[in-house]
C-alpha cells in the first residue's frame, strides 16, 4: 500500500552562522537580539548577500504535540487513514546535538504550515507506533526542531512543504569551547 504522510504545524527555517569573536561582539553591541539592526546591516556584518548563504540551513517543526499535526492518507484516494491527536508522542526520538560550542548567530524564520511530506510504501496497514523522529537541538537547547521522520526505522524522502513566514528571531550564542 502507498501512503502520503504530511507533517504540519508551527516551526522554523533556521540559518546558522559561525562567527569570529569580533563579529559576535559587533552584533551584540548593535542589538541584533533586540531587533535594533536592519537586515542590510546584518548581512553586511556576516559578509553575505542573503541569510540563506550558509552551509547550515535547517527546517522543521517545534517540539510539542500542540505544534505538530501528522496526517496519513492513502495515496490513490486521499482517504484519511490516521491523524495525530494533541497527545501523540513518537515511540523513538533521535536527538542530534549541534553547534554547542563557540560563537554563533542563529536566525530563525518562524513559520506555520506544511513542513514535511513523504510517500510511504509498505505491505502492512499503517501503524503510527512505527514512526520515529529526528530532532536537532541547537546551541545547547536554545531551539529544538523535528527535522525528519522515519517509518519502521527506514528513512523516507522528504518532498518539502509549504509554509508561511511569521517573522524572524535572532539568537547569539556565546558558548564555551569544549
N, C-alpha and C. Protein backbone atom coordinates (compact mmCIF):
# COMPACT_ATOMS: atom_id res chain seq x y z
N UNK A 1 0.84 -1.18 0.00
CA UNK A 1 0.00 0.00 0.00
C UNK A 1 0.88 1.24 0.00
N UNK A 2 0.39 2.28 -0.64
CA UNK A 2 1.11 3.55 -0.66
C UNK A 2 0.33 4.59 0.13
N UNK A 3 1.09 5.32 0.95
CA UNK A 3 0.51 6.36 1.80
C UNK A 3 1.25 7.67 1.59
N UNK A 4 0.54 8.75 1.84
CA UNK A 4 1.16 10.08 1.91
C UNK A 4 1.17 10.47 3.39
N UNK A 5 2.32 10.92 3.85
CA UNK A 5 2.44 11.39 5.23
C UNK A 5 2.75 12.87 5.18
N UNK A 6 1.94 13.67 5.87
CA UNK A 6 2.12 15.12 5.91
C UNK A 6 2.33 15.56 7.36
N UNK A 7 3.35 16.40 7.57
CA UNK A 7 3.62 16.93 8.90
C UNK A 7 3.41 18.44 8.84
N UNK A 8 2.42 18.90 9.57
CA UNK A 8 2.05 20.32 9.60
C UNK A 8 2.25 20.87 11.01
N UNK A 9 2.33 22.18 11.11
CA UNK A 9 2.40 22.78 12.43
C UNK A 9 3.12 24.11 12.43
N UNK A 10 3.70 24.40 13.59
CA UNK A 10 4.49 25.62 13.77
C UNK A 10 5.95 25.21 13.91
N UNK A 11 6.80 25.93 13.24
CA UNK A 11 8.22 25.60 13.27
C UNK A 11 9.06 26.73 12.74
N UNK A 12 10.16 26.36 12.10
CA UNK A 12 11.08 27.39 11.63
C UNK A 12 11.96 26.89 10.51
N UNK A 13 12.42 27.83 9.75
CA UNK A 13 13.56 27.63 8.88
C UNK A 13 14.69 28.34 9.61
N UNK A 14 15.79 27.63 9.85
CA UNK A 14 16.87 28.17 10.67
C UNK A 14 18.14 28.30 9.85
N UNK A 15 18.82 29.43 10.04
CA UNK A 15 20.07 29.74 9.35
C UNK A 15 21.12 29.97 10.43
N UNK A 16 22.21 29.23 10.38
CA UNK A 16 23.21 29.30 11.43
C UNK A 16 24.54 29.76 10.85
N UNK A 17 25.15 30.74 11.53
CA UNK A 17 26.43 31.28 11.09
C UNK A 17 27.44 31.19 12.23
N UNK A 18 28.61 30.61 11.94
CA UNK A 18 29.70 30.62 12.90
C UNK A 18 30.36 31.98 12.81
N UNK A 19 30.65 32.59 13.96
CA UNK A 19 31.13 33.96 14.00
C UNK A 19 32.54 34.05 14.58
N UNK A 20 33.26 35.05 14.11
CA UNK A 20 34.51 35.41 14.78
C UNK A 20 34.12 36.15 16.06
N UNK A 21 35.06 36.27 16.95
CA UNK A 21 34.77 36.99 18.20
C UNK A 21 34.42 38.45 17.91
N UNK A 22 35.09 39.04 16.91
CA UNK A 22 34.83 40.45 16.56
C UNK A 22 33.42 40.63 16.01
N UNK A 23 33.01 39.73 15.10
CA UNK A 23 31.66 39.84 14.53
C UNK A 23 30.61 39.59 15.60
N UNK A 24 30.86 38.62 16.46
CA UNK A 24 29.94 38.34 17.55
C UNK A 24 29.74 39.58 18.43
N UNK A 25 30.84 40.23 18.78
CA UNK A 25 30.77 41.42 19.63
C UNK A 25 30.07 42.57 18.92
N UNK A 26 30.34 42.74 17.63
CA UNK A 26 29.70 43.80 16.83
C UNK A 26 28.17 43.60 16.83
N UNK A 27 27.72 42.38 16.56
CA UNK A 27 26.29 42.11 16.53
C UNK A 27 25.65 42.32 17.90
N UNK A 28 26.35 41.90 18.94
CA UNK A 28 25.86 42.07 20.31
C UNK A 28 25.76 43.55 20.67
N UNK A 29 26.83 44.30 20.39
CA UNK A 29 26.87 45.73 20.70
C UNK A 29 25.80 46.52 19.95
N UNK A 30 25.43 46.04 18.77
CA UNK A 30 24.45 46.76 17.95
C UNK A 30 23.02 46.25 18.12
N UNK A 31 22.81 45.37 19.10
CA UNK A 31 21.45 44.99 19.49
C UNK A 31 20.71 44.06 18.55
N UNK A 32 21.42 43.13 17.92
CA UNK A 32 20.73 42.23 16.99
C UNK A 32 19.61 41.44 17.66
N UNK A 33 19.81 40.99 18.89
CA UNK A 33 18.78 40.19 19.56
C UNK A 33 17.56 41.01 19.97
N UNK A 34 17.71 42.32 19.99
CA UNK A 34 16.60 43.22 20.33
C UNK A 34 16.01 43.87 19.09
N UNK A 35 16.30 43.31 17.92
CA UNK A 35 15.80 43.82 16.63
C UNK A 35 16.18 45.27 16.38
N UNK A 36 17.39 45.65 16.80
CA UNK A 36 17.85 47.02 16.60
C UNK A 36 18.72 47.17 15.36
N UNK A 37 18.95 46.07 14.64
CA UNK A 37 19.76 46.13 13.42
C UNK A 37 18.88 45.89 12.21
N UNK A 38 19.21 46.58 11.11
CA UNK A 38 18.48 46.34 9.87
C UNK A 38 19.01 45.07 9.21
N UNK A 39 18.19 44.52 8.34
CA UNK A 39 18.59 43.33 7.59
C UNK A 39 19.88 43.59 6.81
N UNK A 40 19.97 44.75 6.18
CA UNK A 40 21.17 45.09 5.40
C UNK A 40 22.42 45.14 6.28
N UNK A 41 22.29 45.69 7.50
CA UNK A 41 23.43 45.73 8.41
C UNK A 41 23.85 44.32 8.85
N UNK A 42 22.87 43.45 9.02
CA UNK A 42 23.16 42.07 9.44
C UNK A 42 23.91 41.32 8.35
N UNK A 43 23.40 41.37 7.12
CA UNK A 43 24.08 40.62 6.05
C UNK A 43 25.45 41.22 5.74
N UNK A 44 25.60 42.53 5.93
CA UNK A 44 26.92 43.15 5.75
C UNK A 44 27.89 42.63 6.82
N UNK A 45 27.44 42.54 8.06
CA UNK A 45 28.30 42.04 9.14
C UNK A 45 28.68 40.58 8.91
N UNK A 46 27.76 39.80 8.31
CA UNK A 46 28.02 38.39 8.04
C UNK A 46 28.80 38.18 6.75
N UNK A 47 28.94 39.25 5.96
CA UNK A 47 29.66 39.20 4.69
C UNK A 47 28.99 38.23 3.70
N UNK A 48 27.66 38.31 3.61
CA UNK A 48 26.88 37.51 2.66
C UNK A 48 25.89 38.43 1.95
N UNK A 49 25.32 37.94 0.86
CA UNK A 49 24.31 38.71 0.13
C UNK A 49 22.91 38.47 0.66
N UNK A 50 22.74 37.33 1.37
CA UNK A 50 21.43 36.92 1.84
C UNK A 50 21.63 35.93 2.98
N UNK A 51 20.69 35.85 3.92
CA UNK A 51 20.88 34.94 5.06
C UNK A 51 20.84 33.48 4.65
N UNK A 52 20.34 33.18 3.47
CA UNK A 52 20.31 31.79 3.01
C UNK A 52 21.69 31.31 2.57
N UNK A 53 22.67 32.21 2.52
CA UNK A 53 24.02 31.84 2.10
C UNK A 53 24.81 31.30 3.28
N UNK A 54 24.38 30.17 3.78
CA UNK A 54 25.06 29.50 4.87
C UNK A 54 25.09 28.00 4.58
N UNK A 55 26.08 27.34 5.08
CA UNK A 55 26.16 25.88 4.94
C UNK A 55 25.24 25.20 5.94
N UNK A 56 24.72 25.95 6.88
CA UNK A 56 23.94 25.39 7.98
C UNK A 56 22.50 25.90 7.92
N UNK A 57 21.69 25.23 7.10
CA UNK A 57 20.29 25.59 6.89
C UNK A 57 19.43 24.40 7.31
N UNK A 58 18.42 24.66 8.15
CA UNK A 58 17.56 23.60 8.68
C UNK A 58 16.11 24.06 8.60
N UNK A 59 15.22 23.09 8.48
CA UNK A 59 13.79 23.39 8.50
C UNK A 59 13.09 22.29 9.30
N UNK A 60 12.17 22.70 10.17
CA UNK A 60 11.47 21.70 10.95
C UNK A 60 10.40 22.28 11.83
N UNK A 61 9.75 21.38 12.54
CA UNK A 61 8.63 21.72 13.40
C UNK A 61 9.11 21.76 14.84
N UNK A 62 8.61 22.76 15.60
CA UNK A 62 8.95 22.83 17.02
C UNK A 62 8.42 21.59 17.73
N UNK A 63 9.15 21.17 18.75
CA UNK A 63 8.70 20.03 19.55
C UNK A 63 7.47 20.40 20.36
N UNK A 64 6.69 19.40 20.70
CA UNK A 64 5.47 19.61 21.47
C UNK A 64 4.28 19.19 20.64
N UNK A 65 3.43 18.36 21.21
CA UNK A 65 2.30 17.82 20.44
C UNK A 65 1.34 18.90 19.97
N UNK A 66 1.32 20.05 20.66
CA UNK A 66 0.42 21.12 20.20
C UNK A 66 0.98 21.85 18.99
N UNK A 67 2.23 21.59 18.62
CA UNK A 67 2.85 22.21 17.45
C UNK A 67 2.83 21.30 16.23
N UNK A 68 2.72 20.00 16.44
CA UNK A 68 2.87 19.03 15.36
C UNK A 68 1.54 18.35 15.07
N UNK A 69 1.18 18.28 13.79
CA UNK A 69 0.00 17.54 13.37
C UNK A 69 0.40 16.67 12.18
N UNK A 70 0.22 15.36 12.33
CA UNK A 70 0.59 14.41 11.28
C UNK A 70 -0.68 13.81 10.70
N UNK A 71 -0.75 13.79 9.37
CA UNK A 71 -1.86 13.16 8.67
C UNK A 71 -1.31 12.09 7.73
N UNK A 72 -1.98 10.96 7.69
CA UNK A 72 -1.60 9.87 6.78
C UNK A 72 -2.80 9.59 5.89
N UNK A 73 -2.58 9.63 4.58
CA UNK A 73 -3.64 9.43 3.60
C UNK A 73 -3.26 8.32 2.63
N UNK A 74 -4.25 7.61 2.14
CA UNK A 74 -3.98 6.66 1.06
C UNK A 74 -3.61 7.47 -0.18
N UNK A 75 -2.54 7.06 -0.82
CA UNK A 75 -2.06 7.85 -1.95
C UNK A 75 -3.05 7.86 -3.11
N UNK A 76 -3.72 6.74 -3.36
CA UNK A 76 -4.61 6.65 -4.53
C UNK A 76 -5.92 7.40 -4.36
N UNK A 77 -6.44 7.50 -3.11
CA UNK A 77 -7.76 8.10 -2.92
C UNK A 77 -7.77 9.34 -2.03
N UNK A 78 -6.63 9.69 -1.40
CA UNK A 78 -6.54 10.78 -0.43
C UNK A 78 -7.45 10.55 0.78
N UNK A 79 -7.87 9.31 1.00
CA UNK A 79 -8.68 8.97 2.17
C UNK A 79 -7.79 9.04 3.41
N UNK A 80 -8.28 9.73 4.44
CA UNK A 80 -7.54 9.85 5.68
C UNK A 80 -7.50 8.49 6.38
N UNK A 81 -6.29 8.02 6.67
CA UNK A 81 -6.09 6.73 7.33
C UNK A 81 -5.87 6.93 8.82
N UNK A 82 -5.10 7.97 9.17
CA UNK A 82 -4.75 8.23 10.57
C UNK A 82 -4.30 9.68 10.69
N UNK A 83 -4.58 10.29 11.84
CA UNK A 83 -4.02 11.59 12.14
C UNK A 83 -3.69 11.67 13.62
N UNK A 84 -2.64 12.41 13.93
CA UNK A 84 -2.20 12.52 15.31
C UNK A 84 -3.18 13.37 16.11
N UNK A 85 -3.19 13.12 17.41
CA UNK A 85 -4.01 13.94 18.29
C UNK A 85 -3.09 14.82 19.13
N UNK A 86 -3.66 15.57 20.06
CA UNK A 86 -2.87 16.50 20.87
C UNK A 86 -1.90 15.80 21.82
N UNK A 87 -2.00 14.49 21.95
CA UNK A 87 -1.17 13.77 22.91
C UNK A 87 -0.20 12.80 22.23
N UNK A 88 -0.06 12.90 20.91
CA UNK A 88 0.81 11.96 20.19
C UNK A 88 2.28 12.16 20.57
N UNK A 89 2.95 11.06 20.81
CA UNK A 89 4.39 11.08 21.07
C UNK A 89 5.04 10.00 20.24
N UNK A 90 6.20 10.32 19.68
CA UNK A 90 6.94 9.33 18.91
C UNK A 90 7.49 8.26 19.85
N UNK A 91 7.43 7.01 19.40
CA UNK A 91 7.98 5.90 20.19
C UNK A 91 9.49 6.05 20.34
N UNK A 92 10.13 6.55 19.30
CA UNK A 92 11.59 6.70 19.32
C UNK A 92 11.95 8.09 18.81
N UNK A 93 12.85 8.75 19.54
CA UNK A 93 13.33 10.08 19.14
C UNK A 93 14.86 10.04 19.06
N UNK A 94 15.38 10.46 17.93
CA UNK A 94 16.82 10.50 17.71
C UNK A 94 17.27 11.96 17.81
N UNK A 95 17.99 12.29 18.89
CA UNK A 95 18.45 13.66 19.10
C UNK A 95 19.84 13.85 18.50
N UNK A 96 20.01 14.96 17.81
CA UNK A 96 21.29 15.34 17.22
C UNK A 96 21.64 16.71 17.81
N UNK A 97 22.71 16.75 18.60
CA UNK A 97 23.12 17.98 19.26
C UNK A 97 24.14 18.69 18.38
N UNK A 98 23.82 19.90 17.95
CA UNK A 98 24.70 20.61 17.02
C UNK A 98 25.01 22.02 17.52
N UNK A 99 26.19 22.46 17.16
CA UNK A 99 26.60 23.84 17.40
C UNK A 99 26.50 24.19 18.89
N UNK A 100 27.15 23.39 19.71
CA UNK A 100 27.04 23.59 21.15
C UNK A 100 28.32 24.13 21.77
N UNK A 101 29.22 24.67 20.94
CA UNK A 101 30.37 25.38 21.48
C UNK A 101 30.82 26.43 20.47
N UNK A 102 31.18 27.60 20.97
CA UNK A 102 31.66 28.66 20.10
C UNK A 102 30.68 29.81 19.95
N UNK A 103 31.02 30.70 19.03
CA UNK A 103 30.21 31.90 18.75
C UNK A 103 29.36 31.66 17.51
N UNK A 104 28.04 31.80 17.66
CA UNK A 104 27.13 31.59 16.53
C UNK A 104 26.05 32.66 16.51
N UNK A 105 25.53 32.88 15.32
CA UNK A 105 24.29 33.63 15.14
C UNK A 105 23.28 32.64 14.58
N UNK A 106 22.20 32.47 15.31
CA UNK A 106 21.11 31.57 14.92
C UNK A 106 19.95 32.46 14.50
N UNK A 107 19.60 32.41 13.22
CA UNK A 107 18.49 33.20 12.70
C UNK A 107 17.34 32.24 12.45
N UNK A 108 16.22 32.51 13.08
CA UNK A 108 15.08 31.62 12.97
C UNK A 108 13.92 32.36 12.32
N UNK A 109 13.49 31.86 11.18
CA UNK A 109 12.32 32.39 10.50
C UNK A 109 11.12 31.57 10.97
N UNK A 110 10.35 32.12 11.92
CA UNK A 110 9.19 31.43 12.48
C UNK A 110 8.15 31.23 11.38
N UNK A 111 7.66 29.99 11.22
CA UNK A 111 6.75 29.67 10.14
C UNK A 111 5.61 28.78 10.61
N UNK A 112 4.53 28.81 9.83
CA UNK A 112 3.39 27.91 10.05
C UNK A 112 3.07 27.26 8.71
N UNK A 113 2.61 26.01 8.79
CA UNK A 113 2.18 25.35 7.56
C UNK A 113 2.64 23.91 7.48
N UNK A 114 2.86 23.47 6.25
CA UNK A 114 3.25 22.09 5.96
C UNK A 114 4.76 22.02 5.80
N UNK A 115 5.44 21.30 6.70
CA UNK A 115 6.90 21.24 6.70
C UNK A 115 7.46 20.02 6.00
N UNK A 116 6.83 18.87 6.19
CA UNK A 116 7.39 17.62 5.69
C UNK A 116 6.32 16.83 4.95
N UNK A 117 6.69 16.24 3.81
CA UNK A 117 5.80 15.40 3.01
C UNK A 117 6.56 14.17 2.56
N UNK A 118 5.96 13.02 2.77
CA UNK A 118 6.61 11.76 2.42
C UNK A 118 5.63 10.86 1.68
N UNK A 119 6.19 9.93 0.90
CA UNK A 119 5.42 8.83 0.34
C UNK A 119 5.97 7.57 0.99
N UNK A 120 5.08 6.74 1.50
CA UNK A 120 5.47 5.50 2.17
C UNK A 120 4.83 4.34 1.44
N UNK A 121 5.63 3.35 1.11
CA UNK A 121 5.12 2.12 0.52
C UNK A 121 5.44 0.98 1.48
N UNK A 122 4.40 0.25 1.88
CA UNK A 122 4.57 -0.84 2.83
C UNK A 122 3.55 -1.94 2.54
N UNK A 123 3.88 -3.15 2.96
CA UNK A 123 2.98 -4.29 2.75
C UNK A 123 1.82 -4.28 3.76
N UNK A 124 2.08 -3.77 4.96
CA UNK A 124 1.08 -3.79 6.02
C UNK A 124 0.28 -2.49 6.08
N UNK A 125 -0.77 -2.55 6.89
CA UNK A 125 -1.54 -1.34 7.18
C UNK A 125 -0.63 -0.37 7.95
N UNK A 126 -0.89 0.91 7.81
CA UNK A 126 -0.09 1.92 8.50
C UNK A 126 -0.23 1.76 10.01
N UNK A 127 0.91 1.88 10.72
CA UNK A 127 0.94 1.74 12.17
C UNK A 127 1.70 2.95 12.74
N UNK A 128 1.02 3.88 13.40
CA UNK A 128 1.68 5.09 13.89
C UNK A 128 2.78 4.82 14.92
N UNK A 129 2.73 3.68 15.59
CA UNK A 129 3.78 3.39 16.58
C UNK A 129 5.13 3.10 15.91
N UNK A 130 5.14 2.94 14.59
CA UNK A 130 6.39 2.70 13.86
C UNK A 130 7.05 4.01 13.39
N UNK A 131 6.42 5.14 13.69
CA UNK A 131 7.01 6.43 13.34
C UNK A 131 8.09 6.79 14.36
N UNK A 132 9.21 7.30 13.90
CA UNK A 132 10.24 7.82 14.79
C UNK A 132 10.68 9.18 14.25
N UNK A 133 11.28 9.97 15.13
CA UNK A 133 11.62 11.34 14.74
C UNK A 133 13.10 11.62 14.87
N UNK A 134 13.57 12.54 14.03
CA UNK A 134 14.92 13.09 14.16
C UNK A 134 14.76 14.53 14.63
N UNK A 135 15.42 14.83 15.75
CA UNK A 135 15.31 16.15 16.36
C UNK A 135 16.70 16.75 16.46
N UNK A 136 16.82 17.99 16.05
CA UNK A 136 18.10 18.69 16.18
C UNK A 136 17.97 19.71 17.30
N UNK A 137 18.91 19.65 18.23
CA UNK A 137 18.99 20.63 19.31
C UNK A 137 20.12 21.59 18.97
N UNK A 138 19.79 22.87 18.94
CA UNK A 138 20.75 23.90 18.59
C UNK A 138 21.20 24.67 19.82
N UNK A 139 22.46 25.04 19.83
CA UNK A 139 23.01 25.97 20.82
C UNK A 139 22.66 25.60 22.25
N UNK A 140 22.93 24.37 22.59
CA UNK A 140 22.70 23.90 23.97
C UNK A 140 21.25 24.08 24.43
N UNK A 141 20.30 23.81 23.54
CA UNK A 141 18.89 23.82 23.92
C UNK A 141 18.14 25.10 23.63
N UNK A 142 18.76 26.07 22.97
CA UNK A 142 18.04 27.33 22.68
C UNK A 142 16.92 27.11 21.67
N UNK A 143 17.05 26.07 20.84
CA UNK A 143 15.99 25.73 19.90
C UNK A 143 16.04 24.23 19.62
N UNK A 144 14.87 23.64 19.43
CA UNK A 144 14.73 22.23 19.09
C UNK A 144 13.78 22.13 17.90
N UNK A 145 14.21 21.42 16.85
CA UNK A 145 13.36 21.25 15.68
C UNK A 145 13.27 19.78 15.28
N UNK A 146 12.07 19.30 15.04
CA UNK A 146 11.87 17.99 14.42
C UNK A 146 12.11 18.19 12.94
N UNK A 147 13.16 17.59 12.40
CA UNK A 147 13.55 17.85 11.01
C UNK A 147 13.28 16.70 10.06
N UNK A 148 12.93 15.50 10.61
CA UNK A 148 12.71 14.35 9.75
C UNK A 148 11.99 13.26 10.54
N UNK A 149 11.30 12.38 9.83
CA UNK A 149 10.72 11.21 10.47
C UNK A 149 11.09 9.97 9.66
N UNK A 150 11.06 8.83 10.34
CA UNK A 150 11.28 7.52 9.71
C UNK A 150 10.06 6.66 10.00
N UNK A 151 9.91 5.64 9.17
CA UNK A 151 8.85 4.66 9.41
C UNK A 151 9.49 3.29 9.52
N UNK A 152 9.29 2.64 10.63
CA UNK A 152 9.85 1.31 10.90
C UNK A 152 11.37 1.31 10.70
N UNK A 153 12.01 2.40 11.11
CA UNK A 153 13.46 2.53 11.02
C UNK A 153 14.00 2.87 9.64
N UNK A 154 13.11 3.04 8.68
CA UNK A 154 13.52 3.31 7.30
C UNK A 154 13.36 4.80 6.99
N UNK A 155 14.42 5.39 6.45
CA UNK A 155 14.35 6.80 6.05
C UNK A 155 13.46 6.94 4.83
N UNK A 156 12.74 8.02 4.80
CA UNK A 156 11.89 8.34 3.65
C UNK A 156 12.38 9.65 3.06
N UNK A 157 12.03 9.89 1.82
CA UNK A 157 12.42 11.14 1.16
C UNK A 157 11.39 12.21 1.51
N UNK A 158 11.89 13.35 2.01
CA UNK A 158 11.03 14.49 2.31
C UNK A 158 10.90 15.31 1.02
N UNK A 159 9.68 15.46 0.56
CA UNK A 159 9.44 16.21 -0.67
C UNK A 159 9.18 17.69 -0.40
N UNK A 160 9.43 18.13 0.84
CA UNK A 160 9.27 19.55 1.17
C UNK A 160 7.83 19.89 1.47
N UNK A 161 7.63 21.12 1.82
CA UNK A 161 6.30 21.56 2.20
C UNK A 161 6.03 22.97 1.72
N UNK A 162 5.07 23.59 2.36
CA UNK A 162 4.67 24.94 2.00
C UNK A 162 4.31 25.66 3.30
N UNK A 163 5.13 26.63 3.66
CA UNK A 163 4.92 27.35 4.92
C UNK A 163 4.81 28.85 4.67
N UNK A 164 4.35 29.55 5.69
CA UNK A 164 4.23 31.00 5.63
C UNK A 164 5.08 31.58 6.76
N UNK A 165 5.91 32.55 6.41
CA UNK A 165 6.77 33.21 7.39
C UNK A 165 5.94 34.10 8.30
N UNK A 166 6.29 34.06 9.59
CA UNK A 166 5.61 34.90 10.57
C UNK A 166 6.56 35.88 11.25
N UNK A 167 7.85 35.84 10.88
CA UNK A 167 8.79 36.78 11.47
C UNK A 167 10.10 36.13 11.87
N UNK A 168 11.09 36.95 12.12
CA UNK A 168 12.44 36.48 12.41
C UNK A 168 12.83 36.72 13.86
N UNK A 169 13.64 35.80 14.37
CA UNK A 169 14.25 35.91 15.68
C UNK A 169 15.75 35.72 15.50
N UNK A 170 16.53 36.51 16.21
CA UNK A 170 17.99 36.42 16.14
C UNK A 170 18.52 36.04 17.52
N UNK A 171 19.32 34.96 17.55
CA UNK A 171 19.88 34.49 18.81
C UNK A 171 21.39 34.39 18.67
N UNK A 172 22.10 35.10 19.53
CA UNK A 172 23.54 34.99 19.60
C UNK A 172 23.91 33.97 20.66
N UNK A 173 24.87 33.13 20.34
CA UNK A 173 25.34 32.22 21.37
C UNK A 173 26.79 32.55 21.66
N UNK A 174 27.12 32.41 22.90
CA UNK A 174 28.50 32.63 23.35
C UNK A 174 28.83 31.42 24.21
N UNK A 175 28.83 30.27 23.59
CA UNK A 175 29.04 29.02 24.30
C UNK A 175 30.53 28.75 24.46
N UNK A 176 30.94 28.25 25.59
CA UNK A 176 32.37 27.97 25.78
C UNK A 176 32.84 26.87 24.83
N UNK A 177 34.05 27.00 24.36
CA UNK A 177 34.62 25.96 23.51
C UNK A 177 34.97 24.77 24.38
N UNK A 178 34.62 23.57 23.90
CA UNK A 178 34.86 22.36 24.69
C UNK A 178 36.14 21.67 24.26
